[in-house]
C-alpha atoms as a PDB file:
ATOM      1  CA  MET A   1     -13.060 -21.502 -37.074  1.00  0.00           C
ATOM      2  CA  GLN A   2     -16.025 -23.816 -36.590  1.00  0.00           C
ATOM      3  CA  ILE A   3     -17.139 -24.271 -32.959  1.00  0.00           C
ATOM      4  CA  ASN A   4     -19.439 -27.097 -31.905  1.00  0.00           C
ATOM      5  CA  MET A   5     -21.080 -26.885 -28.490  1.00  0.00           C
ATOM      6  CA  GLU A   6     -23.799 -29.340 -27.461  1.00  0.00           C
ATOM      7  CA  GLY A   7     -24.608 -30.074 -31.063  1.00  0.00           C
ATOM      8  CA  ILE A   8     -24.906 -26.378 -31.994  1.00  0.00           C
ATOM      9  CA  SER A   9     -22.453 -25.193 -34.616  1.00  0.00           C
ATOM     10  CA  ARG A  10     -21.192 -21.591 -34.489  1.00  0.00           C
ATOM     11  CA  SER A  11     -18.517 -19.760 -36.408  1.00  0.00           C
ATOM     12  CA  ALA A  12     -16.388 -17.170 -34.606  1.00  0.00           C
ATOM     13  CA  PRO A  13     -12.901 -15.704 -34.866  1.00  0.00           C
ATOM     14  CA  VAL A  14     -10.426 -16.498 -32.100  1.00  0.00           C
ATOM     15  CA  ASP A  15      -8.099 -13.709 -31.003  1.00  0.00           C
ATOM     16  CA  ALA A  16      -4.532 -14.059 -29.695  1.00  0.00           C
ATOM     17  CA  ARG A  17      -5.698 -14.288 -26.052  1.00  0.00           C
ATOM     18  CA  LYS A  18      -7.989 -17.209 -26.943  1.00  0.00           C
ATOM     19  CA  HIS A  19     -11.181 -15.216 -26.305  1.00  0.00           C
ATOM     20  CA  VAL A  20     -14.066 -15.897 -28.661  1.00  0.00           C
ATOM     21  CA  PRO A  21     -16.763 -13.202 -28.841  1.00  0.00           C
ATOM     22  CA  LEU A  22     -20.085 -14.577 -30.073  1.00  0.00           C
ATOM     23  CA  SER A  23     -22.688 -11.944 -30.857  1.00  0.00           C
ATOM     24  CA  GLY A  24     -25.694 -12.233 -28.551  1.00  0.00           C
ATOM     25  CA  ASN A  25     -24.362 -15.363 -26.873  1.00  0.00           C
ATOM     26  CA  GLY A  26     -21.938 -14.000 -24.270  1.00  0.00           C
ATOM     27  CA  ILE A  27     -18.196 -14.604 -24.357  1.00  0.00           C
ATOM     28  CA  TYR A  28     -16.512 -17.937 -24.862  1.00  0.00           C
ATOM     29  CA  VAL A  29     -12.960 -18.619 -23.691  1.00  0.00           C
ATOM     30  CA  PHE A  30     -10.636 -21.551 -24.120  1.00  0.00           C
ATOM     31  CA  HIS A  31      -9.808 -23.060 -20.747  1.00  0.00           C
ATOM     32  CA  LYS A  32      -7.857 -26.314 -20.461  1.00  0.00           C
ATOM     33  CA  GLU A  33      -8.411 -27.007 -24.160  1.00  0.00           C
ATOM     34  CA  ARG A  34     -12.205 -26.650 -23.778  1.00  0.00           C
ATOM     35  CA  LEU A  35     -14.426 -23.861 -24.991  1.00  0.00           C
ATOM     36  CA  THR A  36     -16.347 -22.414 -22.028  1.00  0.00           C
ATOM     37  CA  ASN A  37     -19.127 -19.820 -21.968  1.00  0.00           C
ATOM     38  CA  ILE A  38     -18.610 -16.967 -19.520  1.00  0.00           C
ATOM     39  CA  SER A  39     -21.873 -15.191 -18.826  1.00  0.00           C
ATOM     40  CA  ALA A  40     -22.184 -11.433 -19.205  1.00  0.00           C
ATOM     41  CA  THR A  41     -22.682 -11.202 -15.428  1.00  0.00           C
ATOM     42  CA  ARG A  42     -19.356 -12.893 -14.782  1.00  0.00           C
ATOM     43  CA  ILE A  43     -17.600 -10.651 -17.317  1.00  0.00           C
ATOM     44  CA  ARG A  44     -18.986  -7.554 -15.574  1.00  0.00           C
ATOM     45  CA  SER A  45     -17.834  -8.842 -12.183  1.00  0.00           C
ATOM     46  CA  MET A  46     -14.256  -8.988 -13.460  1.00  0.00           C
ATOM     47  CA  ALA A  47     -14.149  -5.298 -14.399  1.00  0.00           C
ATOM     48  CA  ARG A  48     -11.949  -2.994 -12.332  1.00  0.00           C
ATOM     49  CA  ASP A  49     -13.103   0.048 -10.376  1.00  0.00           C
ATOM     50  CA  LYS A  50     -10.425   2.688 -11.002  1.00  0.00           C
ATOM     51  CA  GLY A  51     -12.003   5.133  -8.536  1.00  0.00           C
ATOM     52  CA  LEU A  52     -11.897   2.619  -5.685  1.00  0.00           C
ATOM     53  CA  GLU A  53      -8.349   1.654  -6.661  1.00  0.00           C
ATOM     54  CA  GLU A  54      -7.298   5.294  -6.332  1.00  0.00           C
ATOM     55  CA  ILE A  55      -8.984   5.638  -2.925  1.00  0.00           C
ATOM     56  CA  ILE A  56      -7.235   2.532  -1.568  1.00  0.00           C
ATOM     57  CA  SER A  57      -3.885   3.534  -3.100  1.00  0.00           C
ATOM     58  CA  ASP A  58      -4.136   6.934  -1.415  1.00  0.00           C
ATOM     59  CA  GLU A  59      -5.018   5.302   1.902  1.00  0.00           C
ATOM     60  CA  LEU A  60      -2.092   2.835   1.736  1.00  0.00           C
ATOM     61  CA  GLY A  61       0.346   5.101  -0.111  1.00  0.00           C
ATOM     62  CA  SER A  62       2.863   5.728   2.686  1.00  0.00           C
ATOM     63  CA  THR A  63       2.677   2.264   4.276  1.00  0.00           C
ATOM     64  CA  PRO A  64       6.061   0.484   4.041  1.00  0.00           C
ATOM     65  CA  GLY A  65       5.972  -2.959   2.406  1.00  0.00           C
ATOM     66  CA  ILE A  66       2.893  -2.340   0.234  1.00  0.00           C
ATOM     67  CA  THR A  67       2.854  -3.714  -3.311  1.00  0.00           C
ATOM     68  CA  ASN A  68      -0.042  -4.262  -5.705  1.00  0.00           C
ATOM     69  CA  LYS A  69      -1.039  -6.457  -8.617  1.00  0.00           C
ATOM     70  CA  ALA A  70      -3.983  -7.731 -10.628  1.00  0.00           C
ATOM     71  CA  MET A  71      -5.874 -10.552  -8.913  1.00  0.00           C
ATOM     72  CA  PHE A  72      -9.468 -11.667  -8.170  1.00  0.00           C
ATOM     73  CA  GLY A  73     -10.671  -9.915 -11.312  1.00  0.00           C
ATOM     74  CA  GLY A  74      -9.536  -6.556  -9.944  1.00  0.00           C
ATOM     75  CA  TRP A  75      -6.544  -4.920  -8.294  1.00  0.00           C
ATOM     76  CA  THR A  76      -5.067  -6.118  -4.976  1.00  0.00           C
ATOM     77  CA  TRP A  77      -2.639  -4.768  -2.411  1.00  0.00           C
ATOM     78  CA  LEU A  78      -0.184  -6.887  -0.470  1.00  0.00           C
ATOM     79  CA  LEU A  79       1.817  -6.178   2.689  1.00  0.00           C
ATOM     80  CA  TRP A  80       5.236  -7.832   2.583  1.00  0.00           C
ATOM     81  CA  GLY A  81       3.814 -10.329   0.069  1.00  0.00           C
ATOM     82  CA  ASN A  82       0.648 -11.185   2.024  1.00  0.00           C
ATOM     83  CA  LEU A  83      -2.737 -10.300   0.528  1.00  0.00           C
ATOM     84  CA  LEU A  84      -4.325  -7.340   2.269  1.00  0.00           C
ATOM     85  CA  CYS A  85      -7.265  -5.990   0.263  1.00  0.00           C
ATOM     86  CA  GLY A  86      -8.580  -5.535  -3.251  1.00  0.00           C
ATOM     87  CA  ALA A  87     -10.803  -3.413  -5.461  1.00  0.00           C
ATOM     88  CA  ARG A  88     -13.292  -4.737  -7.998  1.00  0.00           C
ATOM     89  CA  ASP A  89     -16.337  -3.219  -9.596  1.00  0.00           C
ATOM     90  CA  ASP A  90     -18.519  -5.124  -7.112  1.00  0.00           C
ATOM     91  CA  GLY A  91     -16.783  -3.705  -4.048  1.00  0.00           C
ATOM     92  CA  MET A  92     -13.773  -3.578  -1.809  1.00  0.00           C
ATOM     93  CA  LEU A  93     -12.319  -6.928  -0.746  1.00  0.00           C
ATOM     94  CA  VAL A  94     -10.689  -6.977   2.684  1.00  0.00           C
ATOM     95  CA  ARG A  95      -8.694  -9.732   4.375  1.00  0.00           C
ATOM     96  CA  LEU A  96      -9.407  -9.654   8.095  1.00  0.00           C
ATOM     97  CA  GLY A  97      -8.235 -13.182   8.889  1.00  0.00           C
ATOM     98  CA  LYS A  98     -10.108 -16.308   9.830  1.00  0.00           C
ATOM     99  CA  GLY A  99     -12.241 -15.630  12.906  1.00  0.00           C
ATOM    100  CA  ASN A 100     -11.666 -11.857  12.779  1.00  0.00           C
ATOM    101  CA  ASP A 101     -14.531 -10.904  10.477  1.00  0.00           C
ATOM    102  CA  ALA A 102     -17.659 -11.182  12.690  1.00  0.00           C
ATOM    103  CA  TRP A 103     -17.683  -7.476  13.590  1.00  0.00           C
ATOM    104  CA  ALA A 104     -17.455  -6.490   9.931  1.00  0.00           C
ATOM    105  CA  LEU A 105     -20.167  -8.912   8.798  1.00  0.00           C
ATOM    106  CA  ALA A 106     -22.546  -7.232  11.273  1.00  0.00           C
ATOM    107  CA  VAL A 107     -22.238  -3.959   9.289  1.00  0.00           C
ATOM    108  CA  PRO A 108     -24.893  -3.410   6.581  1.00  0.00           C
ATOM    109  CA  GLY A 109     -23.196  -3.473   3.173  1.00  0.00           C
ATOM    110  CA  ILE A 110     -20.503  -5.978   4.180  1.00  0.00           C
ATOM    111  CA  GLU A 111     -20.826  -9.614   3.120  1.00  0.00           C
ATOM    112  CA  PRO A 112     -18.499 -12.614   3.002  1.00  0.00           C
ATOM    113  CA  MET A 113     -16.262 -12.589  -0.069  1.00  0.00           C
ATOM    114  CA  LEU A 114     -17.245 -15.343  -2.460  1.00  0.00           C
ATOM    115  CA  SER A 115     -14.883 -17.283  -4.674  1.00  0.00           C
ATOM    116  CA  ARG A 116     -16.610 -19.557  -7.181  1.00  0.00           C
ATOM    117  CA  GLY A 117     -19.786 -19.234  -5.141  1.00  0.00           C
ATOM    118  CA  ARG A 118     -18.192 -20.245  -1.845  1.00  0.00           C
ATOM    119  CA  PRO A 119     -17.435 -17.919   1.084  1.00  0.00           C
ATOM    120  CA  MET A 120     -13.740 -17.303   1.738  1.00  0.00           C
ATOM    121  CA  GLN A 121     -13.215 -17.390   5.496  1.00  0.00           C
ATOM    122  CA  GLY A 122     -11.576 -14.271   6.844  1.00  0.00           C
ATOM    123  CA  TRP A 123     -12.382 -12.196   3.742  1.00  0.00           C
ATOM    124  CA  VAL A 124     -15.232  -9.696   3.336  1.00  0.00           C
ATOM    125  CA  ARG A 125     -16.643  -7.632   0.481  1.00  0.00           C
ATOM    126  CA  ALA A 126     -17.745  -4.088   1.282  1.00  0.00           C
ATOM    127  CA  ASP A 127     -20.126  -2.316  -1.077  1.00  0.00           C
ATOM    128  CA  SER A 128     -19.966   1.374  -2.024  1.00  0.00           C
ATOM    129  CA  ARG A 129     -21.996   2.469   1.033  1.00  0.00           C
ATOM    130  CA  VAL A 130     -19.206   1.098   3.215  1.00  0.00           C
ATOM    131  CA  PHE A 131     -16.050   1.914   1.250  1.00  0.00           C
ATOM    132  CA  GLY A 132     -17.463   5.375   0.524  1.00  0.00           C
ATOM    133  CA  ASP A 133     -17.522   6.075   4.265  1.00  0.00           C
ATOM    134  CA  ASP A 134     -14.008   7.286   5.162  1.00  0.00           C
ATOM    135  CA  GLU A 135     -14.269   6.126   8.780  1.00  0.00           C
ATOM    136  CA  MET A 136     -15.535   2.615   7.955  1.00  0.00           C
ATOM    137  CA  ARG A 137     -13.064   2.155   5.091  1.00  0.00           C
ATOM    138  CA  GLY A 138     -10.266   3.252   7.431  1.00  0.00           C
ATOM    139  CA  LYS A 139     -11.419   0.784  10.085  1.00  0.00           C
ATOM    140  CA  LEU A 140     -11.438  -2.076   7.559  1.00  0.00           C
ATOM    141  CA  ILE A 141      -7.996  -1.191   6.204  1.00  0.00           C
ATOM    142  CA  THR A 142      -6.564  -0.813   9.723  1.00  0.00           C
ATOM    143  CA  ALA A 143      -7.937  -4.254  10.677  1.00  0.00           C
ATOM    144  CA  ALA A 144      -6.532  -5.762   7.457  1.00  0.00           C
ATOM    145  CA  LEU A 145      -3.110  -4.220   8.134  1.00  0.00           C
ATOM    146  CA  GLN A 146      -3.184  -5.524  11.697  1.00  0.00           C
ATOM    147  CA  PHE A 147      -3.905  -9.044  10.472  1.00  0.00           C
ATOM    148  CA  ALA A 148      -1.337  -8.926   7.633  1.00  0.00           C
ATOM    149  CA  ARG A 149       1.342  -7.702  10.047  1.00  0.00           C
ATOM    150  CA  SER A 150       0.752 -10.839  12.143  1.00  0.00           C
ATOM    151  CA  LEU A 151       1.814 -13.016   9.179  1.00  0.00           C
ATOM    152  CA  PRO A 152       5.415 -13.851   8.258  1.00  0.00           C
ATOM    153  CA  LYS A 153       6.890 -11.787   5.437  1.00  0.00           C
ATOM    154  CA  LYS A 154       7.101 -13.576   2.088  1.00  0.00           C
END
């Protein structure tokens, strides 16, 4: 297949998932009939953290109404169909609810969750210093459960 991008011609095979690996040039994917370059940084940010997934699964294991699925480039947990938290290689994502995240953002290692470069209100991302601390991780998960329980079941 011949690929033309900004006047530069490249040849690359396209696999069944429409991903085009180009040696030394990152990864190109077809999105809405256009070929788009995804930087190596973005590819790394979509990798899953199996260790963190196991920690969160153990913590939520006996909670009624918990389900999980792939989302946000990682693995997420839902309570009665409402997003609760997630695990990615760049940290633990926690939904605290709009206006409920100020206490968490004051903790070193916790930042607003970004989606396409924009902060998602009510969501935070905790790095390994935070999610590695059993007490702090428990506090975040308890707060997320409290918020999710305030929402109607889906």
